[in-house]
């Protein structure tokens, strides 16, 4: 092989390597974007869970109070 052929082969390999590197950089950027998206969604879910938890506890407490009221009313009125 002549020097020109070797040089052409090296140039082609370099171009291929650059294309591959660009592709990997795009994949890395997309992976980072998806990871950030997943992190934000997870954070929102945790925040929503934290906001809903007191409401669930309050509803359970109101349910218990309603059961006590109904039981007391039934006892007072001899309905059982």
PDB file of N, CA and C in Angstrom:
ATOM      1  N   UNK A   1       0.836  -1.178   0.000  1.00  0.00           N
ATOM      2  CA  UNK A   1       0.000   0.000   0.000  1.00  0.00           C
ATOM      3  C   UNK A   1       0.879   1.237   0.000  1.00  0.00           C
ATOM      4  N   UNK A   2       0.380   2.204  -0.683  1.00  0.00           N
ATOM      5  CA  UNK A   2       1.136   3.452  -0.741  1.00  0.00           C
ATOM      6  C   UNK A   2       0.802   4.311   0.476  1.00  0.00           C
ATOM      7  N   UNK A   3       1.586   5.341   0.648  1.00  0.00           N
ATOM      8  CA  UNK A   3       1.355   6.275   1.760  1.00  0.00           C
ATOM      9  C   UNK A   3      -0.007   6.937   1.638  1.00  0.00           C
ATOM     10  N   UNK A   4      -0.388   7.232   0.406  1.00  0.00           N
ATOM     11  CA  UNK A   4      -1.689   7.857   0.178  1.00  0.00           C
ATOM     12  C   UNK A   4      -2.827   6.941   0.610  1.00  0.00           C
ATOM     13  N   UNK A   5      -2.728   5.697   0.301  1.00  0.00           N
ATOM     14  CA  UNK A   5      -3.764   4.731   0.691  1.00  0.00           C
ATOM     15  C   UNK A   5      -3.835   4.599   2.207  1.00  0.00           C
ATOM     16  N   UNK A   6      -2.676   4.531   2.860  1.00  0.00           N
ATOM     17  CA  UNK A   6      -2.646   4.474   4.325  1.00  0.00           C
ATOM     18  C   UNK A   6      -3.287   5.724   4.922  1.00  0.00           C
ATOM     19  N   UNK A   7      -2.942   6.859   4.355  1.00  0.00           N
ATOM     20  CA  UNK A   7      -3.479   8.127   4.846  1.00  0.00           C
ATOM     21  C   UNK A   7      -4.997   8.173   4.652  1.00  0.00           C
ATOM     22  N   UNK A   8      -5.469   7.700   3.507  1.00  0.00           N
ATOM     23  CA  UNK A   8      -6.913   7.668   3.236  1.00  0.00           C
ATOM     24  C   UNK A   8      -7.632   6.758   4.227  1.00  0.00           C
ATOM     25  N   UNK A   9      -7.026   5.617   4.492  1.00  0.00           N
ATOM     26  CA  UNK A   9      -7.616   4.683   5.462  1.00  0.00           C
ATOM     27  C   UNK A   9      -7.663   5.319   6.844  1.00  0.00           C
ATOM     28  N   UNK A  10      -6.580   5.986   7.235  1.00  0.00           N
ATOM     29  CA  UNK A  10      -6.554   6.654   8.540  1.00  0.00           C
ATOM     30  C   UNK A  10      -7.606   7.756   8.621  1.00  0.00           C
ATOM     31  N   UNK A  11      -7.755   8.516   7.553  1.00  0.00           N
ATOM     32  CA  UNK A  11      -8.784   9.563   7.531  1.00  0.00           C
ATOM     33  C   UNK A  11     -10.181   8.970   7.665  1.00  0.00           C
ATOM     34  N   UNK A  12     -10.436   7.888   6.946  1.00  0.00           N
ATOM     35  CA  UNK A  12     -11.746   7.233   7.041  1.00  0.00           C
ATOM     36  C   UNK A  12     -12.008   6.723   8.454  1.00  0.00           C
ATOM     37  N   UNK A  13     -10.983   6.127   9.068  1.00  0.00           N
ATOM     38  CA  UNK A  13     -11.130   5.638  10.443  1.00  0.00           C
ATOM     39  C   UNK A  13     -11.389   6.794  11.399  1.00  0.00           C
ATOM     40  N   UNK A  14     -10.699   7.903  11.194  1.00  0.00           N
ATOM     41  CA  UNK A  14     -10.880   9.071  12.058  1.00  0.00           C
ATOM     42  C   UNK A  14     -12.298   9.627  11.911  1.00  0.00           C
ATOM     43  N   UNK A  15     -12.776   9.696  10.660  1.00  0.00           N
ATOM     44  CA  UNK A  15     -14.139  10.182  10.412  1.00  0.00           C
ATOM     45  C   UNK A  15     -15.159   9.255  11.066  1.00  0.00           C
ATOM     46  N   UNK A  16     -14.947   7.950  10.939  1.00  0.00           N
ATOM     47  CA  UNK A  16     -15.835   6.966  11.565  1.00  0.00           C
ATOM     48  C   UNK A  16     -15.841   7.134  13.085  1.00  0.00           C
ATOM     49  N   UNK A  17     -14.639   7.310  13.642  1.00  0.00           N
ATOM     50  CA  UNK A  17     -14.518   7.464  15.092  1.00  0.00           C
ATOM     51  C   UNK A  17     -15.228   8.731  15.560  1.00  0.00           C
ATOM     52  N   UNK A  18     -15.105   9.819  14.797  1.00  0.00           N
ATOM     53  CA  UNK A  18     -15.784  11.066  15.165  1.00  0.00           C
ATOM     54  C   UNK A  18     -17.297  10.896  15.118  1.00  0.00           C
ATOM     55  N   UNK A  19     -17.790  10.208  14.087  1.00  0.00           N
ATOM     56  CA  UNK A  19     -19.228   9.958  13.985  1.00  0.00           C
ATOM     57  C   UNK A  19     -19.716   9.130  15.166  1.00  0.00           C
ATOM     58  N   UNK A  20     -18.935   8.115  15.506  1.00  0.00           N
ATOM     59  CA  UNK A  20     -19.303   7.251  16.625  1.00  0.00           C
ATOM     60  C   UNK A  20     -19.301   8.044  17.930  1.00  0.00           C
ATOM     61  N   UNK A  21     -18.314   8.907  18.090  1.00  0.00           N
ATOM     62  CA  UNK A  21     -18.226   9.737  19.288  1.00  0.00           C
ATOM     63  C   UNK A  21     -19.418  10.684  19.384  1.00  0.00           C
ATOM     64  N   UNK A  22     -19.804  11.292  18.257  1.00  0.00           N
ATOM     65  CA  UNK A  22     -20.979  12.167  18.257  1.00  0.00           C
ATOM     66  C   UNK A  22     -22.233  11.390  18.641  1.00  0.00           C
ATOM     67  N   UNK A  23     -22.347  10.184  18.095  1.00  0.00           N
ATOM     68  CA  UNK A  23     -23.506   9.348  18.417  1.00  0.00           C
ATOM     69  C   UNK A  23     -23.531   9.024  19.911  1.00  0.00           C
ATOM     70  N   UNK A  24     -22.371   8.684  20.468  1.00  0.00           N
ATOM     71  CA  UNK A  24     -22.291   8.385  21.899  1.00  0.00           C
ATOM     72  C   UNK A  24     -22.615   9.612  22.738  1.00  0.00           C
ATOM     73  N   UNK A  25     -22.161  10.781  22.301  1.00  0.00           N
ATOM     74  CA  UNK A  25     -22.467  12.012  23.030  1.00  0.00           C
ATOM     75  C   UNK A  25     -23.966  12.292  23.026  1.00  0.00           C
ATOM     76  N   UNK A  26     -24.618  12.067  21.876  1.00  0.00           N
ATOM     77  CA  UNK A  26     -26.071  12.243  21.805  1.00  0.00           C
ATOM     78  C   UNK A  26     -26.780  11.260  22.729  1.00  0.00           C
ATOM     79  N   UNK A  27     -26.311  10.015  22.736  1.00  0.00           N
ATOM     80  CA  UNK A  27     -26.919   9.006  23.607  1.00  0.00           C
ATOM     81  C   UNK A  27     -26.732   9.376  25.070  1.00  0.00           C
ATOM     82  N   UNK A  28     -25.552   9.874  25.419  1.00  0.00           N
ATOM     83  CA  UNK A  28     -25.273  10.271  26.792  1.00  0.00           C
ATOM     84  C   UNK A  28     -26.177  11.438  27.202  1.00  0.00           C
ATOM     85  N   UNK A  29     -26.342  12.404  26.299  1.00  0.00           N
ATOM     86  CA  UNK A  29     -27.210  13.548  26.582  1.00  0.00           C
ATOM     87  C   UNK A  29     -28.660  13.097  26.754  1.00  0.00           C
ATOM     88  N   UNK A  30     -29.116  12.185  25.908  1.00  0.00           N
ATOM     89  CA  UNK A  30     -30.487  11.676  26.016  1.00  0.00           C
ATOM     90  C   UNK A  30     -30.673  10.894  27.315  1.00  0.00           C
ATOM     91  N   UNK A  31     -29.678  10.118  27.689  1.00  0.00           N
ATOM     92  CA  UNK A  31     -29.747   9.374  28.945  1.00  0.00           C
ATOM     93  C   UNK A  31     -29.822  10.329  30.128  1.00  0.00           C
ATOM     94  N   UNK A  32     -29.021  11.383  30.098  1.00  0.00           N
ATOM     95  CA  UNK A  32     -29.051  12.377  31.175  1.00  0.00           C
ATOM     96  C   UNK A  32     -30.408  13.067  31.224  1.00  0.00           C
ATOM     97  N   UNK A  33     -30.968  13.390  30.057  1.00  0.00           N
ATOM     98  CA  UNK A  33     -32.276  14.041  30.009  1.00  0.00           C
ATOM     99  C   UNK A  33     -33.358  13.139  30.601  1.00  0.00           C
ATOM    100  N   UNK A  34     -33.326  11.868  30.234  1.00  0.00           N
ATOM    101  CA  UNK A  34     -34.321  10.926  30.756  1.00  0.00           C
ATOM    102  C   UNK A  34     -34.152  10.701  32.254  1.00  0.00           C
ATOM    103  N   UNK A  35     -32.904  10.658  32.716  1.00  0.00           N
ATOM    104  CA  UNK A  35     -32.653  10.494  34.151  1.00  0.00           C
ATOM    105  C   UNK A  35     -33.180  11.699  34.920  1.00  0.00           C
ATOM    106  N   UNK A  36     -32.971  12.897  34.393  1.00  0.00           N
ATOM    107  CA  UNK A  36     -33.486  14.104  35.046  1.00  0.00           C
ATOM    108  C   UNK A  36     -35.005  14.112  35.059  1.00  0.00           C
ATOM    109  N   UNK A  37     -35.598  13.691  33.956  1.00  0.00           N
ATOM    110  CA  UNK A  37     -37.050  13.615  33.877  1.00  0.00           C
ATOM    111  C   UNK A  37     -37.599  12.636  34.915  1.00  0.00           C
ATOM    112  N   UNK A  38     -36.971  11.481  35.027  1.00  0.00           N
ATOM    113  CA  UNK A  38     -37.400  10.480  36.008  1.00  0.00           C
ATOM    114  C   UNK A  38     -37.237  11.012  37.428  1.00  0.00           C
ATOM    115  N   UNK A  39     -36.145  11.712  37.693  1.00  0.00           N
ATOM    116  CA  UNK A  39     -35.909  12.278  39.026  1.00  0.00           C
ATOM    117  C   UNK A  39     -36.975  13.313  39.372  1.00  0.00           C
ATOM    118  N   UNK A  40     -37.315  14.181  38.414  1.00  0.00           N
ATOM    119  CA  UNK A  40     -38.350  15.199  38.666  1.00  0.00           C
ATOM    120  C   UNK A  40     -39.701  14.545  38.923  1.00  0.00           C
ATOM    121  N   UNK A  41     -40.036  13.538  38.129  1.00  0.00           N
ATOM    122  CA  UNK A  41     -41.325  12.856  38.329  1.00  0.00           C
ATOM    123  C   UNK A  41     -41.366  12.142  39.670  1.00  0.00           C
ATOM    124  N   UNK A  42     -40.264  11.511  40.040  1.00  0.00           N
ATOM    125  CA  UNK A  42     -40.204  10.835  41.335  1.00  0.00           C
ATOM    126  C   UNK A  42     -40.394  11.852  42.462  1.00  0.00           C
ATOM    127  N   UNK A  43     -39.716  12.997  42.344  1.00  0.00           N
ATOM    128  CA  UNK A  43     -39.831  14.037  43.375  1.00  0.00           C
ATOM    129  C   UNK A  43     -41.272  14.520  43.491  1.00  0.00           C
ATOM    130  N   UNK A  44     -41.947  14.708  42.336  1.00  0.00           N
ATOM    131  CA  UNK A  44     -43.352  15.134  42.362  1.00  0.00           C
ATOM    132  C   UNK A  44     -44.239  14.087  43.022  1.00  0.00           C
ATOM    133  N   UNK A  45     -43.966  12.812  42.752  1.00  0.00           N
ATOM    134  CA  UNK A  45     -44.760  11.750  43.377  1.00  0.00           C
ATOM    135  C   UNK A  45     -44.568  11.747  44.885  1.00  0.00           C
ATOM    136  N   UNK A  46     -43.330  11.931  45.334  1.00  0.00           N
ATOM    137  CA  UNK A  46     -43.054  11.962  46.770  1.00  0.00           C
ATOM    138  C   UNK A  46     -43.762  13.155  47.405  1.00  0.00           C
ATOM    139  N   UNK A  47     -43.700  14.320  46.751  1.00  0.00           N
ATOM    140  CA  UNK A  47     -44.375  15.508  47.273  1.00  0.00           C
ATOM    141  C   UNK A  47     -45.883  15.289  47.346  1.00  0.00           C
ATOM    142  N   UNK A  48     -46.448  14.667  46.318  1.00  0.00           N
ATOM    143  CA  UNK A  48     -47.888  14.398  46.321  1.00  0.00           C
ATOM    144  C   UNK A  48     -48.250  13.437  47.447  1.00  0.00           C
ATOM    145  N   UNK A  49     -47.429  12.411  47.638  1.00  0.00           N
ATOM    146  CA  UNK A  49     -47.678  11.448  48.709  1.00  0.00           C
ATOM    147  C   UNK A  49     -47.631  12.136  50.069  1.00  0.00           C
ATOM    148  N   UNK A  50     -46.648  13.035  50.238  1.00  0.00           N
ATOM    149  CA  UNK A  50     -46.533  13.764  51.502  1.00  0.00           C
ATOM    150  C   UNK A  50     -47.728  14.683  51.724  1.00  0.00           C
ATOM    151  N   UNK A  51     -48.266  15.257  50.643  1.00  0.00           N
ATOM    152  CA  UNK A  51     -49.423  16.142  50.761  1.00  0.00           C
ATOM    153  C   UNK A  51     -50.702  15.353  51.047  1.00  0.00           C
ATOM    154  N   UNK A  52     -50.816  14.157  50.496  1.00  0.00           N
ATOM    155  CA  UNK A  52     -52.033  13.354  50.649  1.00  0.00           C
ATOM    156  C   UNK A  52     -52.086  12.638  51.991  1.00  0.00           C
ATOM    157  N   UNK A  53     -50.945  12.272  52.531  1.00  0.00           N
ATOM    158  CA  UNK A  53     -50.906  11.499  53.776  1.00  0.00           C
ATOM    159  C   UNK A  53     -51.702  12.147  54.916  1.00  0.00           C
ATOM    160  N   UNK A  54     -51.522  13.449  55.204  1.00  0.00           N
ATOM    161  CA  UNK A  54     -52.326  14.046  56.278  1.00  0.00           C
ATOM    162  C   UNK A  54     -53.826  13.994  55.984  1.00  0.00           C
ATOM    163  N   UNK A  55     -54.205  14.100  54.717  1.00  0.00           N
ATOM    164  CA  UNK A  55     -55.624  14.021  54.361  1.00  0.00           C
ATOM    165  C   UNK A  55     -56.173  12.624  54.624  1.00  0.00           C
ATOM    166  N   UNK A  56     -55.392  11.616  54.330  1.00  0.00           N
ATOM    167  CA  UNK A  56     -55.820  10.235  54.591  1.00  0.00           C
ATOM    168  C   UNK A  56     -55.966  10.010  56.094  1.00  0.00           C
ATOM    169  N   UNK A  57     -54.997  10.512  56.867  1.00  0.00           N
ATOM    170  CA  UNK A  57     -55.079  10.367  58.322  1.00  0.00           C
ATOM    171  C   UNK A  57     -56.288  11.111  58.881  1.00  0.00           C
ATOM    172  N   UNK A  58     -56.563  12.308  58.353  1.00  0.00           N
ATOM    173  CA  UNK A  58     -57.726  13.072  58.808  1.00  0.00           C
ATOM    174  C   UNK A  58     -59.018  12.336  58.462  1.00  0.00           C
ATOM    175  N   UNK A  59     -59.080  11.754  57.273  1.00  0.00           N
ATOM    176  CA  UNK A  59     -60.274  11.002  56.873  1.00  0.00           C
ATOM    177  C   UNK A  59     -60.465   9.787  57.769  1.00  0.00           C
ATOM    178  N   UNK A  60     -59.390   9.106  58.111  1.00  0.00           N
ATOM    179  CA  UNK A  60     -59.487   7.947  59.008  1.00  0.00           C
ATOM    180  C   UNK A  60     -59.971   8.381  60.383  1.00  0.00           C
ATOM    181  N   UNK A  61     -59.481   9.517  60.855  1.00  0.00           N
ATOM    182  CA  UNK A  61     -59.905  10.030  62.157  1.00  0.00           C
ATOM    183  C   UNK A  61     -61.389  10.397  62.130  1.00  0.00           C
ATOM    184  N   UNK A  62     -61.825  11.063  61.065  1.00  0.00           N
ATOM    185  CA  UNK A  62     -63.245  11.411  60.941  1.00  0.00           C
ATOM    186  C   UNK A  62     -64.109  10.160  60.851  1.00  0.00           C
ATOM    187  N   UNK A  63     -63.633   9.148  60.176  1.00  0.00           N
ATOM    188  CA  UNK A  63     -64.362   7.891  60.075  1.00  0.00           C
ATOM    189  C   UNK A  63     -64.513   7.260  61.453  1.00  0.00           C
ATOM    190  N   UNK A  64     -63.433   7.267  62.229  1.00  0.00           N
ATOM    191  CA  UNK A  64     -63.491   6.709  63.584  1.00  0.00           C
ATOM    192  C   UNK A  64     -64.456   7.514  64.451  1.00  0.00           C
ATOM    193  N   UNK A  65     -64.424   8.833  64.333  1.00  0.00           N
ATOM    194  CA  UNK A  65     -65.340   9.675  65.112  1.00  0.00           C
ATOM    195  C   UNK A  65     -66.791   9.412  64.715  1.00  0.00           C
ATOM    196  N   UNK A  66     -67.031   9.253  63.418  1.00  0.00           N
ATOM    197  CA  UNK A  66     -68.391   8.965  62.953  1.00  0.00           C
ATOM    198  C   UNK A  66     -68.859   7.617  63.486  1.00  0.00           C
ATOM    199  N   UNK A  67     -67.989   6.620  63.494  1.00  0.00           N
ATOM    200  CA  UNK A  67     -68.354   5.310  64.040  1.00  0.00           C
ATOM    201  C   UNK A  67     -68.677   5.406  65.526  1.00  0.00           C
ATOM    202  N   UNK A  68     -67.888   6.171  66.267  1.00  0.00           N
ATOM    203  CA  UNK A  68     -68.156   6.354  67.700  1.00  0.00           C
ATOM    204  C   UNK A  68     -69.499   7.055  67.908  1.00  0.00           C
ATOM    205  N   UNK A  69     -69.766   8.083  67.105  1.00  0.00           N
ATOM    206  CA  UNK A  69     -71.022   8.816  67.220  1.00  0.00           C
ATOM    207  C   UNK A  69     -72.208   7.901  66.934  1.00  0.00           C
ATOM    208  N   UNK A  70     -72.101   7.114  65.870  1.00  0.00           N
ATOM    209  CA  UNK A  70     -73.195   6.206  65.509  1.00  0.00           C
ATOM    210  C   UNK A  70     -73.401   5.162  66.600  1.00  0.00           C
ATOM    211  N   UNK A  71     -72.304   4.612  67.119  1.00  0.00           N
ATOM    212  CA  UNK A  71     -72.420   3.614  68.194  1.00  0.00           C
ATOM    213  C   UNK A  71     -73.064   4.220  69.428  1.00  0.00           C
ATOM    214  N   UNK A  72     -72.652   5.430  69.808  1.00  0.00           N
ATOM    215  CA  UNK A  72     -73.233   6.096  70.977  1.00  0.00           C
ATOM    216  C   UNK A  72     -74.715   6.380  70.747  1.00  0.00           C
ATOM    217  N   UNK A  73     -75.069   6.825  69.554  1.00  0.00           N
ATOM    218  CA  UNK A  73     -76.463   7.130  69.252  1.00  0.00           C
ATOM    219  C   UNK A  73     -77.308   5.861  69.309  1.00  0.00           C
ATOM    220  N   UNK A  74     -76.766   4.762  68.748  1.00  0.00           N
ATOM    221  CA  UNK A  74     -77.504   3.500  68.779  1.00  0.00           C
ATOM    222  C   UNK A  74     -77.666   3.000  70.209  1.00  0.00           C
ATOM    223  N   UNK A  75     -76.610   3.144  71.031  1.00  0.00           N
ATOM    224  CA  UNK A  75     -76.696   2.718  72.433  1.00  0.00           C
ATOM    225  C   UNK A  75     -77.747   3.535  73.179  1.00  0.00           C
ATOM    226  N   UNK A  76     -77.768   4.846  72.932  1.00  0.00           N
ATOM    227  CA  UNK A  76     -78.704   5.725  73.619  1.00  0.00           C
ATOM    228  C   UNK A  76     -80.147   5.441  73.219  1.00  0.00           C
ATOM    229  N   UNK A  77     -80.326   5.052  72.010  1.00  0.00           N
ATOM    230  CA  UNK A  77     -81.681   4.831  71.507  1.00  0.00           C
ATOM    231  C   UNK A  77     -82.074   3.356  71.508  1.00  0.00           C
ATOM    232  N   UNK A  78     -81.275   2.528  72.130  1.00  0.00           N
ATOM    233  CA  UNK A  78     -81.566   1.093  72.253  1.00  0.00           C
ATOM    234  C   UNK A  78     -81.931   0.453  70.911  1.00  0.00           C
ATOM    235  N   UNK A  79     -81.131   0.762  69.926  1.00  0.00           N
ATOM    236  CA  UNK A  79     -81.411   0.225  68.585  1.00  0.00           C
ATOM    237  C   UNK A  79     -80.712  -1.099  68.331  1.00  0.00           C
ATOM    238  N   UNK A  80     -79.874  -1.552  69.236  1.00  0.00           N
ATOM    239  CA  UNK A  80     -79.197  -2.823  69.000  1.00  0.00           C
ATOM    240  C   UNK A  80     -79.806  -3.926  69.769  1.00  0.00           C
TER     241      UNK A  80
END
